[in-house]
C-alpha cells in the first residue's frame, strides 16, 4: 500500500501554536503522530513524506523516524534543506527528492503547484490547515498536510476516491 503525509514537524513546539494543533507540547504531538502513522502503515507499505519532517538533532530525528512503520520516501520541504540527502538517509528515508515526484497521474510536491498537467493530480502539503489559494483548481489539488488528515497518512486509494 502507498501512503502520503506532509508537515509532521516533529519536535517543533511553535507549530502547535501556529496551526492550533491540539497538543500541550511537542513530545505529546510526536507520540500522537507516531501512533496515528503506525495505526495504518504496515512494515511492507511505502509512505511518501512531502516535506517538513521536523526539527532537532540528527539522533533525535533518527529515533523518531525509526519508530515509523513502512519504507519512507522524502520529498524535501522548505524546512528540510538544512541537512543534506545523505543525512536524511541516515535518519531513515530510503529515497530523498528535492522538487517533485511523479507517480503515474500524481504530481507530488511540497507546496501546491500550478504546473499540473492535464489528467494529473497535485498531492502536496505546506499550507497546513490554510485554504488553498484561488489560483489553484481544487479538483486536481489534494492537501495531505497532517493538520487536515488527522495526523494519519492517507492511502493512494483514498486519494483516488477524492
N, C-alpha and C. Protein backbone atom coordinates (compact mmCIF):
# COMPACT_ATOMS: atom_id res chain seq x y z
N UNK A 1 0.85 -1.17 0.00
CA UNK A 1 0.00 0.00 0.00
C UNK A 1 0.91 1.25 0.00
N UNK A 2 0.44 2.27 -0.65
CA UNK A 2 1.17 3.55 -0.72
C UNK A 2 0.38 4.59 0.06
N UNK A 3 1.11 5.39 0.86
CA UNK A 3 0.51 6.44 1.68
C UNK A 3 1.23 7.77 1.45
N UNK A 4 0.55 8.85 1.86
CA UNK A 4 1.10 10.21 1.74
C UNK A 4 0.83 10.98 3.03
N UNK A 5 1.79 11.83 3.40
CA UNK A 5 1.63 12.75 4.53
C UNK A 5 2.63 13.88 4.34
N UNK A 6 2.37 15.01 4.97
CA UNK A 6 3.31 16.14 4.93
C UNK A 6 3.21 16.90 6.25
N UNK A 7 4.24 17.67 6.52
CA UNK A 7 4.24 18.65 7.61
C UNK A 7 4.08 18.06 9.01
N UNK A 8 4.76 16.96 9.27
CA UNK A 8 4.71 16.40 10.63
C UNK A 8 5.35 17.34 11.64
N UNK A 9 6.42 18.01 11.26
CA UNK A 9 7.10 18.98 12.13
C UNK A 9 7.43 18.39 13.50
N UNK A 10 7.97 17.19 13.51
CA UNK A 10 8.40 16.58 14.77
C UNK A 10 9.30 17.54 15.54
N UNK A 11 9.16 17.58 16.84
CA UNK A 11 9.97 18.41 17.76
C UNK A 11 9.82 19.91 17.56
N UNK A 12 8.82 20.35 16.82
CA UNK A 12 8.65 21.77 16.53
C UNK A 12 7.54 22.34 17.42
N UNK A 13 7.91 22.86 18.55
CA UNK A 13 6.94 23.36 19.52
C UNK A 13 6.09 24.49 18.97
N UNK A 14 6.67 25.41 18.21
CA UNK A 14 5.91 26.57 17.71
C UNK A 14 4.81 26.19 16.71
N UNK A 15 4.94 25.03 16.06
CA UNK A 15 3.91 24.64 15.09
C UNK A 15 2.58 24.38 15.80
N UNK A 16 2.64 24.01 17.06
CA UNK A 16 1.42 23.75 17.84
C UNK A 16 0.59 25.03 17.92
N UNK A 17 1.26 26.13 18.19
CA UNK A 17 0.57 27.42 18.27
C UNK A 17 0.21 27.93 16.88
N UNK A 18 1.14 27.82 15.95
CA UNK A 18 0.95 28.35 14.59
C UNK A 18 -0.26 27.71 13.91
N UNK A 19 -0.42 26.39 14.07
CA UNK A 19 -1.51 25.68 13.40
C UNK A 19 -2.63 25.28 14.36
N UNK A 20 -2.57 25.79 15.56
CA UNK A 20 -3.60 25.47 16.55
C UNK A 20 -3.75 23.96 16.71
N UNK A 21 -2.62 23.26 16.80
CA UNK A 21 -2.65 21.81 16.98
C UNK A 21 -3.06 21.50 18.43
N UNK A 22 -3.82 20.44 18.63
CA UNK A 22 -4.39 20.15 19.95
C UNK A 22 -3.44 19.42 20.90
N UNK A 23 -2.23 19.91 21.04
CA UNK A 23 -1.24 19.25 21.89
C UNK A 23 -0.67 20.23 22.90
N UNK A 24 -0.26 19.71 24.05
CA UNK A 24 0.34 20.54 25.10
C UNK A 24 1.81 20.83 24.83
N UNK A 25 2.48 19.92 24.11
CA UNK A 25 3.90 20.08 23.84
C UNK A 25 4.30 19.20 22.66
N UNK A 26 5.54 19.35 22.21
CA UNK A 26 5.98 18.60 21.02
C UNK A 26 6.13 17.11 21.30
N UNK A 27 6.42 16.72 22.53
CA UNK A 27 6.53 15.29 22.84
C UNK A 27 5.18 14.61 22.67
N UNK A 28 4.13 15.25 23.19
CA UNK A 28 2.77 14.72 23.03
C UNK A 28 2.40 14.66 21.55
N UNK A 29 2.74 15.70 20.80
CA UNK A 29 2.45 15.74 19.37
C UNK A 29 3.20 14.62 18.64
N UNK A 30 4.49 14.49 18.91
CA UNK A 30 5.29 13.43 18.27
C UNK A 30 4.66 12.06 18.49
N UNK A 31 4.32 11.77 19.74
CA UNK A 31 3.76 10.46 20.08
C UNK A 31 2.44 10.21 19.38
N UNK A 32 1.61 11.23 19.29
CA UNK A 32 0.31 11.08 18.62
C UNK A 32 0.51 10.80 17.14
N UNK A 33 1.40 11.54 16.50
CA UNK A 33 1.64 11.34 15.07
C UNK A 33 2.21 9.93 14.82
N UNK A 34 3.13 9.50 15.65
CA UNK A 34 3.69 8.15 15.50
C UNK A 34 2.60 7.10 15.66
N UNK A 35 1.74 7.27 16.66
CA UNK A 35 0.65 6.32 16.90
C UNK A 35 -0.31 6.28 15.71
N UNK A 36 -0.70 7.46 15.18
CA UNK A 36 -1.62 7.52 14.05
C UNK A 36 -0.98 6.90 12.80
N UNK A 37 0.29 7.22 12.57
CA UNK A 37 1.03 6.67 11.41
C UNK A 37 1.01 5.15 11.48
N UNK A 38 1.43 4.61 12.61
CA UNK A 38 1.55 3.16 12.75
C UNK A 38 0.21 2.45 12.83
N UNK A 39 -0.87 3.19 13.04
CA UNK A 39 -2.20 2.58 13.08
C UNK A 39 -2.67 2.17 11.68
N UNK A 40 -2.10 2.78 10.64
CA UNK A 40 -2.50 2.43 9.27
C UNK A 40 -1.35 1.86 8.43
N UNK A 41 -0.14 2.32 8.66
CA UNK A 41 1.01 1.89 7.84
C UNK A 41 1.62 0.62 8.42
N UNK A 42 1.77 -0.37 7.56
CA UNK A 42 2.42 -1.63 7.94
C UNK A 42 3.86 -1.60 7.42
N UNK A 43 4.67 -2.53 7.88
CA UNK A 43 6.10 -2.51 7.53
C UNK A 43 6.38 -2.67 6.04
N UNK A 44 5.47 -3.33 5.30
CA UNK A 44 5.71 -3.51 3.86
C UNK A 44 5.06 -2.43 3.02
N UNK A 45 4.52 -1.39 3.64
CA UNK A 45 3.94 -0.25 2.94
C UNK A 45 5.00 0.81 2.64
N UNK A 46 4.66 1.74 1.76
CA UNK A 46 5.54 2.86 1.42
C UNK A 46 4.83 4.16 1.74
N UNK A 47 5.55 5.07 2.40
CA UNK A 47 4.99 6.38 2.73
C UNK A 47 5.83 7.46 2.06
N UNK A 48 5.15 8.30 1.28
CA UNK A 48 5.79 9.48 0.71
C UNK A 48 5.54 10.63 1.66
N UNK A 49 6.61 11.12 2.28
CA UNK A 49 6.51 12.28 3.18
C UNK A 49 6.84 13.49 2.32
N UNK A 50 5.85 14.39 2.18
CA UNK A 50 6.01 15.51 1.26
C UNK A 50 6.56 16.76 1.93
N UNK A 51 7.44 16.55 2.88
CA UNK A 51 8.24 17.65 3.40
C UNK A 51 7.86 18.17 4.77
N UNK A 52 8.86 18.86 5.35
CA UNK A 52 8.80 19.43 6.70
C UNK A 52 8.62 18.33 7.75
N UNK A 53 9.61 17.46 7.78
CA UNK A 53 9.61 16.31 8.68
C UNK A 53 9.66 16.77 10.13
N UNK A 54 10.67 17.59 10.47
CA UNK A 54 10.78 18.01 11.86
C UNK A 54 12.07 18.73 12.14
N UNK A 55 12.21 19.09 13.39
CA UNK A 55 13.35 19.84 13.85
C UNK A 55 14.12 18.99 14.85
N UNK A 56 15.33 19.37 15.15
CA UNK A 56 16.08 18.65 16.17
C UNK A 56 17.37 18.07 15.65
N UNK A 57 18.08 17.49 16.52
CA UNK A 57 19.37 16.90 16.20
C UNK A 57 19.20 15.62 15.41
N UNK A 58 20.28 15.22 14.76
CA UNK A 58 20.27 14.01 13.94
C UNK A 58 19.77 12.81 14.73
N UNK A 59 20.29 12.60 15.92
CA UNK A 59 19.92 11.42 16.69
C UNK A 59 18.45 11.43 17.09
N UNK A 60 17.93 12.61 17.46
CA UNK A 60 16.51 12.71 17.82
C UNK A 60 15.63 12.36 16.63
N UNK A 61 15.97 12.92 15.48
CA UNK A 61 15.21 12.66 14.27
C UNK A 61 15.25 11.19 13.88
N UNK A 62 16.42 10.61 13.99
CA UNK A 62 16.58 9.21 13.65
C UNK A 62 15.75 8.32 14.56
N UNK A 63 15.75 8.60 15.85
CA UNK A 63 14.98 7.76 16.78
C UNK A 63 13.48 7.88 16.53
N UNK A 64 13.02 9.05 16.08
CA UNK A 64 11.59 9.21 15.74
C UNK A 64 11.25 8.47 14.46
N UNK A 65 12.03 8.69 13.41
CA UNK A 65 11.75 8.09 12.10
C UNK A 65 11.84 6.57 12.17
N UNK A 66 12.77 6.04 12.97
CA UNK A 66 12.90 4.59 13.12
C UNK A 66 11.65 3.95 13.69
N UNK A 67 10.87 4.71 14.44
CA UNK A 67 9.65 4.19 15.05
C UNK A 67 8.47 4.17 14.09
N UNK A 68 8.61 4.79 12.93
CA UNK A 68 7.53 4.87 11.95
C UNK A 68 7.57 3.66 11.02
N UNK A 69 6.45 2.96 10.89
CA UNK A 69 6.36 1.79 10.02
C UNK A 69 6.54 2.18 8.56
N UNK A 70 6.95 1.20 7.77
CA UNK A 70 7.00 1.34 6.32
C UNK A 70 8.32 1.86 5.78
N UNK A 71 8.42 1.80 4.47
CA UNK A 71 9.53 2.40 3.75
C UNK A 71 9.19 3.87 3.57
N UNK A 72 10.10 4.74 3.95
CA UNK A 72 9.82 6.17 3.94
C UNK A 72 10.62 6.87 2.85
N UNK A 73 9.89 7.61 2.01
CA UNK A 73 10.50 8.38 0.92
C UNK A 73 10.22 9.85 1.20
N UNK A 74 11.25 10.68 1.12
CA UNK A 74 11.11 12.09 1.45
C UNK A 74 11.22 12.98 0.21
N UNK A 75 10.24 13.85 0.07
CA UNK A 75 10.33 14.97 -0.86
C UNK A 75 10.55 16.18 0.04
N UNK A 76 11.73 16.75 -0.01
CA UNK A 76 12.11 17.78 0.96
C UNK A 76 11.22 19.02 0.87
N UNK A 77 10.83 19.51 2.06
CA UNK A 77 10.07 20.74 2.16
C UNK A 77 10.99 21.90 2.51
N UNK A 78 10.42 23.07 2.65
CA UNK A 78 11.24 24.26 2.91
C UNK A 78 12.03 24.18 4.21
N UNK A 79 11.60 23.40 5.18
CA UNK A 79 12.35 23.26 6.44
C UNK A 79 13.34 22.10 6.41
N UNK A 80 13.41 21.37 5.30
CA UNK A 80 14.24 20.15 5.24
C UNK A 80 15.58 20.34 4.54
N UNK A 81 15.90 21.55 4.11
CA UNK A 81 17.13 21.76 3.35
C UNK A 81 18.33 22.11 4.22
N UNK A 82 18.12 22.18 5.53
CA UNK A 82 19.25 22.50 6.42
C UNK A 82 20.21 21.33 6.54
N UNK A 83 19.72 20.14 6.22
CA UNK A 83 20.59 18.96 6.24
C UNK A 83 20.55 18.29 4.87
N UNK A 84 21.61 17.58 4.55
CA UNK A 84 21.76 17.01 3.22
C UNK A 84 21.07 15.68 3.01
N UNK A 85 21.08 15.24 1.77
CA UNK A 85 20.44 13.99 1.36
C UNK A 85 20.98 12.80 2.15
N UNK A 86 22.29 12.70 2.27
CA UNK A 86 22.87 11.56 2.97
C UNK A 86 22.46 11.52 4.43
N UNK A 87 22.33 12.69 5.05
CA UNK A 87 21.88 12.74 6.44
C UNK A 87 20.43 12.28 6.54
N UNK A 88 19.57 12.69 5.61
CA UNK A 88 18.19 12.22 5.62
C UNK A 88 18.14 10.70 5.46
N UNK A 89 19.04 10.16 4.66
CA UNK A 89 19.08 8.70 4.51
C UNK A 89 19.55 8.03 5.81
N UNK A 90 20.51 8.64 6.50
CA UNK A 90 20.93 8.13 7.81
C UNK A 90 19.78 8.16 8.81
N UNK A 91 18.95 9.18 8.73
CA UNK A 91 17.81 9.32 9.63
C UNK A 91 16.78 8.21 9.37
N UNK A 92 16.69 7.74 8.12
CA UNK A 92 15.78 6.62 7.86
C UNK A 92 14.93 6.71 6.61
N UNK A 93 15.23 7.65 5.73
CA UNK A 93 14.50 7.74 4.47
C UNK A 93 15.27 6.99 3.40
N UNK A 94 14.59 6.10 2.67
CA UNK A 94 15.28 5.28 1.68
C UNK A 94 15.60 6.07 0.41
N UNK A 95 14.76 7.05 0.10
CA UNK A 95 15.00 7.92 -1.05
C UNK A 95 14.68 9.35 -0.63
N UNK A 96 15.40 10.30 -1.24
CA UNK A 96 15.20 11.71 -0.91
C UNK A 96 15.18 12.51 -2.21
N UNK A 97 14.13 13.32 -2.39
CA UNK A 97 13.96 14.12 -3.59
C UNK A 97 13.90 15.60 -3.24
N UNK A 98 14.18 16.44 -4.24
CA UNK A 98 14.28 17.88 -4.00
C UNK A 98 13.03 18.65 -4.38
N UNK A 99 12.47 18.46 -5.57
CA UNK A 99 11.40 19.34 -6.06
C UNK A 99 10.06 18.64 -6.26
N UNK A 100 10.08 17.47 -6.92
CA UNK A 100 8.83 16.79 -7.24
C UNK A 100 9.08 15.32 -7.49
N UNK A 101 7.97 14.57 -7.39
CA UNK A 101 7.98 13.14 -7.72
C UNK A 101 6.73 12.92 -8.58
N UNK A 102 6.88 12.18 -9.66
CA UNK A 102 5.73 11.83 -10.50
C UNK A 102 5.46 10.35 -10.34
N UNK A 103 4.23 10.03 -9.92
CA UNK A 103 3.77 8.63 -9.79
C UNK A 103 2.53 8.50 -10.67
N UNK A 104 2.68 7.92 -11.83
CA UNK A 104 1.55 7.80 -12.77
C UNK A 104 0.93 9.18 -12.98
N UNK A 105 -0.34 9.35 -12.57
CA UNK A 105 -1.01 10.64 -12.79
C UNK A 105 -0.92 11.56 -11.57
N UNK A 106 -0.10 11.20 -10.59
CA UNK A 106 0.07 12.02 -9.40
C UNK A 106 1.36 12.83 -9.47
N UNK A 107 1.24 14.12 -9.20
CA UNK A 107 2.40 15.00 -9.12
C UNK A 107 2.58 15.37 -7.65
N UNK A 108 3.62 14.84 -7.03
CA UNK A 108 3.88 15.08 -5.62
C UNK A 108 4.82 16.27 -5.48
N UNK A 109 4.40 17.26 -4.69
CA UNK A 109 5.23 18.44 -4.43
C UNK A 109 5.07 18.81 -2.95
N UNK A 110 5.97 19.65 -2.46
CA UNK A 110 5.81 20.10 -1.08
C UNK A 110 4.68 21.13 -1.00
N UNK A 111 4.74 22.14 -1.83
CA UNK A 111 3.71 23.19 -1.87
C UNK A 111 2.84 22.98 -3.10
N UNK A 112 1.61 23.49 -3.07
CA UNK A 112 0.78 23.36 -4.27
C UNK A 112 1.45 24.02 -5.47
N UNK A 113 1.22 23.46 -6.64
CA UNK A 113 1.84 24.00 -7.85
C UNK A 113 0.80 24.18 -8.95
N UNK A 114 1.05 25.16 -9.79
CA UNK A 114 0.20 25.39 -10.96
C UNK A 114 0.66 24.54 -12.15
N UNK A 115 1.79 23.88 -12.00
CA UNK A 115 2.36 23.10 -13.10
C UNK A 115 1.80 21.68 -13.14
N UNK A 116 0.49 21.57 -13.02
CA UNK A 116 -0.19 20.28 -13.04
C UNK A 116 -0.64 20.01 -14.46
N UNK A 117 -0.24 18.87 -14.99
CA UNK A 117 -0.63 18.52 -16.35
C UNK A 117 -2.08 18.10 -16.44
N UNK A 118 -2.56 18.00 -17.66
CA UNK A 118 -3.92 17.52 -17.88
C UNK A 118 -4.03 16.09 -17.37
N UNK A 119 -5.10 15.76 -16.71
CA UNK A 119 -5.31 14.43 -16.11
C UNK A 119 -4.32 14.12 -15.00
N UNK A 120 -3.72 15.13 -14.40
CA UNK A 120 -2.77 14.94 -13.31
C UNK A 120 -3.36 15.54 -12.03
N UNK A 121 -3.01 14.96 -10.90
CA UNK A 121 -3.46 15.47 -9.60
C UNK A 121 -2.22 15.84 -8.80
N UNK A 122 -2.24 17.04 -8.23
CA UNK A 122 -1.14 17.52 -7.40
C UNK A 122 -1.43 17.16 -5.94
N UNK A 123 -0.56 16.33 -5.36
CA UNK A 123 -0.63 15.97 -3.95
C UNK A 123 0.45 16.80 -3.26
N UNK A 124 0.10 17.53 -2.22
CA UNK A 124 1.03 18.49 -1.63
C UNK A 124 0.76 18.66 -0.13
N UNK A 125 1.62 19.43 0.52
CA UNK A 125 1.45 19.83 1.91
C UNK A 125 1.67 21.34 2.00
N UNK A 126 2.49 21.73 2.94
CA UNK A 126 2.97 23.10 3.12
C UNK A 126 1.95 24.09 3.65
N UNK A 127 0.71 24.04 3.20
CA UNK A 127 -0.25 25.07 3.61
C UNK A 127 -0.96 24.70 4.92
N UNK A 128 -0.64 23.51 5.46
CA UNK A 128 -1.23 23.05 6.72
C UNK A 128 -2.76 23.09 6.64
N UNK A 129 -3.39 23.82 7.55
CA UNK A 129 -4.86 23.87 7.57
C UNK A 129 -5.41 25.13 6.91
N UNK A 130 -4.56 25.83 6.16
CA UNK A 130 -4.99 27.04 5.48
C UNK A 130 -5.75 26.68 4.19
N UNK A 131 -6.58 27.60 3.72
CA UNK A 131 -7.33 27.37 2.49
C UNK A 131 -6.40 27.43 1.28
N UNK A 132 -6.72 26.60 0.30
CA UNK A 132 -5.97 26.60 -0.96
C UNK A 132 -6.23 27.91 -1.69
N UNK A 133 -5.16 28.54 -2.16
CA UNK A 133 -5.27 29.80 -2.89
C UNK A 133 -6.19 29.62 -4.11
N UNK A 134 -6.93 30.65 -4.44
CA UNK A 134 -7.92 30.60 -5.53
C UNK A 134 -7.29 30.31 -6.89
N UNK A 135 -6.01 30.54 -7.05
CA UNK A 135 -5.40 30.30 -8.37
C UNK A 135 -5.23 28.81 -8.67
N UNK A 136 -5.43 27.97 -7.65
CA UNK A 136 -5.32 26.52 -7.83
C UNK A 136 -6.71 25.91 -7.97
N UNK A 137 -6.84 24.95 -8.86
CA UNK A 137 -8.11 24.26 -9.06
C UNK A 137 -8.24 23.16 -8.01
N UNK A 138 -9.26 23.25 -7.19
CA UNK A 138 -9.46 22.27 -6.11
C UNK A 138 -9.71 20.86 -6.65
N UNK A 139 -10.16 20.75 -7.89
CA UNK A 139 -10.45 19.43 -8.46
C UNK A 139 -9.19 18.59 -8.66
N UNK A 140 -8.05 19.25 -8.87
CA UNK A 140 -6.83 18.47 -9.11
C UNK A 140 -5.70 18.82 -8.13
N UNK A 141 -6.06 19.28 -6.94
CA UNK A 141 -5.10 19.55 -5.86
C UNK A 141 -5.61 18.94 -4.56
N UNK A 142 -4.79 18.12 -3.92
CA UNK A 142 -5.18 17.49 -2.67
C UNK A 142 -4.09 17.72 -1.63
N UNK A 143 -4.47 18.36 -0.53
CA UNK A 143 -3.53 18.63 0.56
C UNK A 143 -3.46 17.43 1.50
N UNK A 144 -2.23 16.99 1.79
CA UNK A 144 -2.03 15.89 2.74
C UNK A 144 -1.22 16.35 3.95
N UNK A 145 -1.28 17.64 4.22
CA UNK A 145 -0.66 18.14 5.44
C UNK A 145 -1.32 17.44 6.62
N UNK A 146 -0.54 16.99 7.57
CA UNK A 146 -1.10 16.19 8.66
C UNK A 146 -2.20 16.93 9.42
N UNK A 147 -2.21 18.24 9.36
CA UNK A 147 -3.23 19.04 10.05
C UNK A 147 -4.63 18.80 9.47
N UNK A 148 -4.73 18.38 8.22
CA UNK A 148 -6.04 18.18 7.60
C UNK A 148 -6.39 16.71 7.37
N UNK A 149 -5.49 15.81 7.75
CA UNK A 149 -5.77 14.37 7.60
C UNK A 149 -5.65 13.65 8.95
N UNK A 150 -5.96 14.36 10.01
CA UNK A 150 -5.92 13.81 11.37
C UNK A 150 -4.57 13.17 11.70
N UNK A 151 -3.49 13.77 11.22
CA UNK A 151 -2.13 13.32 11.55
C UNK A 151 -1.89 11.87 11.14
N UNK A 152 -2.65 11.39 10.15
CA UNK A 152 -2.62 9.99 9.73
C UNK A 152 -2.32 9.92 8.24
N UNK A 153 -1.30 9.19 7.83
CA UNK A 153 -1.03 9.06 6.40
C UNK A 153 -2.28 8.61 5.65
N UNK A 154 -2.48 9.17 4.46
CA UNK A 154 -3.66 8.88 3.65
C UNK A 154 -3.24 7.97 2.50
N UNK A 155 -4.04 6.94 2.25
CA UNK A 155 -3.68 5.93 1.25
C UNK A 155 -3.94 6.42 -0.17
N UNK A 156 -3.28 5.78 -1.09
CA UNK A 156 -3.46 6.10 -2.51
C UNK A 156 -4.91 5.82 -2.93
N UNK A 157 -5.54 4.81 -2.31
CA UNK A 157 -6.95 4.52 -2.60
C UNK A 157 -7.85 5.67 -2.17
N UNK A 158 -7.57 6.27 -1.01
CA UNK A 158 -8.36 7.41 -0.55
C UNK A 158 -8.15 8.62 -1.47
N UNK A 159 -6.94 8.77 -1.98
CA UNK A 159 -6.64 9.83 -2.94
C UNK A 159 -7.49 9.61 -4.20
N UNK A 160 -7.54 8.37 -4.68
CA UNK A 160 -8.29 8.04 -5.90
C UNK A 160 -9.77 8.34 -5.72
N UNK A 161 -10.29 8.14 -4.51
CA UNK A 161 -11.71 8.41 -4.24
C UNK A 161 -12.04 9.90 -4.30
N UNK A 162 -11.04 10.74 -3.99
CA UNK A 162 -11.26 12.18 -3.99
C UNK A 162 -11.27 12.68 -5.42
